[in-house]
């Protein structure tokens, strides 16, 4: 095991769990006064729900829109979400190799716990930090630093894996290395401009990044 990376923090949506279409459909259902497209939604994914709703609607008070978003999202959640390829295998292998694992997400805690338990990932996580738990969400350093503090680990030994600029910036602001995932809807080229330390083209690339070695499927 590469002793320089002893902890891996994961973003959730778009990184280890494919919720992309569910999120896009939920926005389109909630914001009906303005025509929304995938192209207008995708650049803002990864920031807080309230921030996105304000941008898409032009409204300051988005409580009704948030309620509509969450109602649609919850109703369609179980049939539309799934882990990205190899996620469950890699998470299990990293855990078994002694890598500490956590989740840092801009989802609220109930839906975070729901999806982690749904795909048997919760038991591997030593810390879970949601948007509910912080004052300053990503790209601020607070969510990443909170996870590391809960785990009692040094930022210099940690890696944050995410699909958005907010994930990369949160890691960088916290003094943590960042890995971007090339399967992000934002695209590898866009994420590369934020200078992540690693670009993952397959979740199994984490074997090499952490130094635990290639595992059998």
Protein backbone atom coordinates (compact mmCIF):
# COMPACT_ATOMS: atom_id res chain seq x y z
CA UNK A 1 0.00 0.00 0.00
CA UNK A 2 1.24 3.49 -0.87
CA UNK A 3 1.61 5.12 2.54
CA UNK A 4 1.20 8.60 1.06
CA UNK A 5 -2.53 8.00 0.45
CA UNK A 6 -4.18 6.39 3.44
CA UNK A 7 -7.63 7.94 3.17
CA UNK A 8 -10.02 8.31 0.22
CA UNK A 9 -13.05 10.58 0.36
CA UNK A 10 -15.74 10.21 -2.27
CA UNK A 11 -18.30 12.61 -3.61
CA UNK A 12 -21.57 10.77 -4.19
CA UNK A 13 -23.72 11.99 -7.11
CA UNK A 14 -21.99 11.61 -10.45
CA UNK A 15 -18.89 10.11 -8.84
CA UNK A 16 -19.70 6.73 -7.31
CA UNK A 17 -23.49 6.76 -7.79
CA UNK A 18 -25.06 7.46 -11.18
CA UNK A 19 -27.87 9.83 -10.28
CA UNK A 20 -27.30 12.04 -13.31
CA UNK A 21 -30.56 11.51 -15.18
CA UNK A 22 -32.60 11.55 -11.97
CA UNK A 23 -31.11 14.94 -11.04
CA UNK A 24 -31.69 16.41 -14.50
CA UNK A 25 -35.29 15.14 -14.60
CA UNK A 26 -35.92 16.45 -11.08
CA UNK A 27 -34.79 19.94 -12.05
CA UNK A 28 -36.89 19.92 -15.21
CA UNK A 29 -39.94 18.86 -13.20
CA UNK A 30 -39.39 21.48 -10.48
CA UNK A 31 -38.46 24.52 -12.60
CA UNK A 32 -41.29 24.88 -15.09
CA UNK A 33 -41.34 28.61 -15.78
CA UNK A 34 -38.01 28.60 -17.61
CA UNK A 35 -37.08 26.07 -20.29
CA UNK A 36 -34.24 23.95 -18.96
CA UNK A 37 -31.94 21.69 -20.97
CA UNK A 38 -29.22 19.23 -20.01
CA UNK A 39 -26.70 21.75 -21.31
CA UNK A 40 -27.90 24.48 -18.93
CA UNK A 41 -28.11 22.14 -15.92
CA UNK A 42 -24.85 20.18 -16.17
CA UNK A 43 -22.36 23.05 -15.56
CA UNK A 44 -23.97 23.77 -12.17
CA UNK A 45 -24.25 20.19 -10.90
CA UNK A 46 -22.13 19.65 -7.82
CA UNK A 47 -23.13 22.88 -6.10
CA UNK A 48 -25.96 23.06 -3.57
CA UNK A 49 -29.53 22.38 -4.65
CA UNK A 50 -30.67 25.83 -3.51
CA UNK A 51 -27.91 27.53 -5.50
CA UNK A 52 -28.86 25.64 -8.65
CA UNK A 53 -32.57 26.34 -8.23
CA UNK A 54 -31.88 30.07 -7.82
CA UNK A 55 -29.78 30.12 -10.97
CA UNK A 56 -32.30 28.14 -13.04
CA UNK A 57 -35.41 30.00 -11.84
CA UNK A 58 -34.12 33.52 -11.19
CA UNK A 59 -35.94 33.41 -7.84
CA UNK A 60 -34.42 34.11 -4.44
CA UNK A 61 -36.98 32.11 -2.44
CA UNK A 62 -36.82 28.59 -3.88
CA UNK A 63 -38.50 26.68 -1.06
CA UNK A 64 -41.46 25.60 -3.20
CA UNK A 65 -39.14 24.56 -6.01
CA UNK A 66 -37.00 22.59 -3.57
CA UNK A 67 -40.09 20.79 -2.31
CA UNK A 68 -41.12 19.92 -5.87
CA UNK A 69 -37.58 18.75 -6.69
CA UNK A 70 -37.36 16.50 -3.65
CA UNK A 71 -40.85 15.04 -4.15
CA UNK A 72 -40.04 14.00 -7.74
CA UNK A 73 -36.53 12.85 -6.82
CA UNK A 74 -37.74 10.63 -3.99
CA UNK A 75 -40.56 9.12 -6.05
CA UNK A 76 -38.20 8.06 -8.86
CA UNK A 77 -35.03 7.47 -6.85
CA UNK A 78 -34.91 3.70 -6.48
CA UNK A 79 -35.69 2.95 -10.11
CA UNK A 80 -33.21 5.44 -11.58
CA UNK A 81 -29.99 5.23 -9.54
CA UNK A 82 -27.15 2.73 -9.67
CA UNK A 83 -23.45 2.59 -8.83
CA UNK A 84 -20.97 3.39 -11.58
CA UNK A 85 -19.01 0.37 -12.89
CA UNK A 86 -16.70 -1.36 -10.38
CA UNK A 87 -17.57 1.00 -7.50
CA UNK A 88 -18.72 -1.67 -5.07
CA UNK A 89 -15.72 -3.89 -5.83
CA UNK A 90 -13.20 -1.06 -5.50
CA UNK A 91 -14.68 0.30 -2.27
CA UNK A 92 -14.56 -3.18 -0.75
CA UNK A 93 -10.97 -3.76 -1.92
CA UNK A 94 -9.73 -0.41 -0.65
CA UNK A 95 -11.34 -1.08 2.73
CA UNK A 96 -9.82 -4.55 2.94
CA UNK A 97 -6.39 -3.09 2.07
CA UNK A 98 -6.60 -0.74 5.05
CA UNK A 99 -7.52 2.48 3.24
CA UNK A 100 -9.84 4.67 5.34
CA UNK A 101 -12.94 5.72 3.41
CA UNK A 102 -15.50 8.50 3.68
CA UNK A 103 -18.18 10.42 1.78
CA UNK A 104 -18.33 14.20 1.33
CA UNK A 105 -21.46 15.29 -0.52
CA UNK A 106 -23.80 18.21 -1.15
CA UNK A 107 -26.77 15.85 -0.75
CA UNK A 108 -28.86 16.05 2.42
CA UNK A 109 -28.26 13.31 4.98
CA UNK A 110 -31.48 11.24 4.51
CA UNK A 111 -30.94 10.67 0.77
CA UNK A 112 -27.21 10.13 1.31
CA UNK A 113 -27.84 7.36 3.82
CA UNK A 114 -30.58 5.88 1.64
CA UNK A 115 -28.35 5.40 -1.39
CA UNK A 116 -25.30 4.21 0.58
CA UNK A 117 -27.39 1.55 2.31
CA UNK A 118 -29.18 0.67 -0.92
CA UNK A 119 -25.90 -0.43 -2.52
CA UNK A 120 -24.20 -1.80 0.62
CA UNK A 121 -21.58 0.96 0.77
CA UNK A 122 -22.44 2.50 4.13
CA UNK A 123 -20.59 -0.12 6.19
CA UNK A 124 -17.26 0.80 4.58
CA UNK A 125 -17.44 4.52 5.41
CA UNK A 126 -15.70 5.91 8.50
CA UNK A 127 -17.14 9.40 8.01
CA UNK A 128 -20.10 10.84 6.12
CA UNK A 129 -20.35 14.61 5.72
CA UNK A 130 -23.45 15.97 3.98
CA UNK A 131 -24.62 19.46 3.14
CA UNK A 132 -26.78 19.22 6.25
CA UNK A 133 -23.67 19.06 8.45
CA UNK A 134 -21.73 22.11 7.28
CA UNK A 135 -21.97 25.88 7.28
CA UNK A 136 -19.95 26.29 4.10
CA UNK A 137 -20.50 23.57 1.45
CA UNK A 138 -18.08 22.65 -1.33
CA UNK A 139 -16.07 24.31 -2.89
CA UNK A 140 -15.21 25.55 0.62
CA UNK A 141 -12.69 23.43 2.51
CA UNK A 142 -15.05 22.83 5.46
CA UNK A 143 -16.73 19.58 4.28
CA UNK A 144 -13.43 17.85 3.48
CA UNK A 145 -11.75 19.07 6.67
CA UNK A 146 -14.76 17.98 8.73
CA UNK A 147 -14.55 14.45 7.32
CA UNK A 148 -10.82 14.25 8.02
CA UNK A 149 -11.33 15.55 11.56
CA UNK A 150 -14.03 12.95 12.21
CA UNK A 151 -11.61 10.27 10.99
CA UNK A 152 -8.60 11.69 12.80
CA UNK A 153 -6.39 11.68 9.70
CA UNK A 154 -3.82 14.07 8.26
CA UNK A 155 -4.92 15.99 5.13
CA UNK A 156 -1.54 15.25 3.54
CA UNK A 157 -2.42 11.53 3.44
CA UNK A 158 -5.90 12.01 1.95
CA UNK A 159 -7.44 12.02 -1.53
CA UNK A 160 -10.81 13.49 -2.54
CA UNK A 161 -12.53 11.89 -5.55
CA UNK A 162 -15.21 13.86 -7.37
CA UNK A 163 -16.93 14.73 -10.63
CA UNK A 164 -17.21 18.51 -10.34
CA UNK A 165 -15.01 21.59 -10.04
CA UNK A 166 -16.47 22.08 -6.54
CA UNK A 167 -15.00 18.73 -5.46
CA UNK A 168 -11.55 19.56 -6.80
CA UNK A 169 -11.58 23.05 -5.30
CA UNK A 170 -12.79 21.81 -1.91
CA UNK A 171 -9.92 19.32 -1.83
CA UNK A 172 -7.38 21.92 -2.88
CA UNK A 173 -8.70 24.42 -0.33
CA UNK A 174 -8.34 21.75 2.37
CA UNK A 175 -4.78 20.82 1.40
CA UNK A 176 -5.90 17.43 0.10
CA UNK A 177 -5.04 15.81 -3.21
CA UNK A 178 -7.87 15.63 -5.74
CA UNK A 179 -8.88 12.98 -8.27
CA UNK A 180 -11.43 13.85 -10.94
CA UNK A 181 -13.51 11.19 -12.68
CA UNK A 182 -13.51 11.24 -16.46
CA UNK A 183 -17.09 9.89 -16.57
CA UNK A 184 -18.36 13.20 -15.19
CA UNK A 185 -21.06 14.85 -17.29
CA UNK A 186 -18.87 17.95 -17.23
CA UNK A 187 -16.23 16.12 -19.24
CA UNK A 188 -12.57 15.37 -18.71
CA UNK A 189 -11.43 18.47 -20.57
CA UNK A 190 -13.40 20.83 -18.32
CA UNK A 191 -12.26 19.13 -15.12
CA UNK A 192 -8.63 19.13 -16.28
CA UNK A 193 -8.63 22.94 -16.26
CA UNK A 194 -8.97 22.79 -12.45
CA UNK A 195 -5.71 20.82 -12.23
CA UNK A 196 -6.67 17.72 -10.23
CA UNK A 197 -3.75 15.55 -9.13
CA UNK A 198 -5.25 12.49 -10.85
CA UNK A 199 -7.79 11.78 -13.58
CA UNK A 200 -9.60 8.46 -13.13
CA UNK A 201 -10.87 6.83 -16.32
CA UNK A 202 -12.05 3.74 -14.46
CA UNK A 203 -12.80 3.37 -10.75
CA UNK A 204 -10.15 0.63 -10.67
CA UNK A 205 -7.51 3.28 -11.37
CA UNK A 206 -7.65 3.87 -7.61
CA UNK A 207 -5.70 0.64 -7.11
CA UNK A 208 -2.66 2.23 -8.71
CA UNK A 209 -3.26 5.68 -7.21
CA UNK A 210 -3.38 4.28 -3.66
CA UNK A 211 -0.67 1.72 -4.34
CA UNK A 212 -2.66 -1.31 -3.20
CA UNK A 213 -2.13 -3.09 -6.51
CA UNK A 214 -4.46 -4.44 -9.18
CA UNK A 215 -7.16 -6.74 -7.88
CA UNK A 216 -9.08 -9.50 -9.58
CA UNK A 217 -12.66 -8.77 -10.58
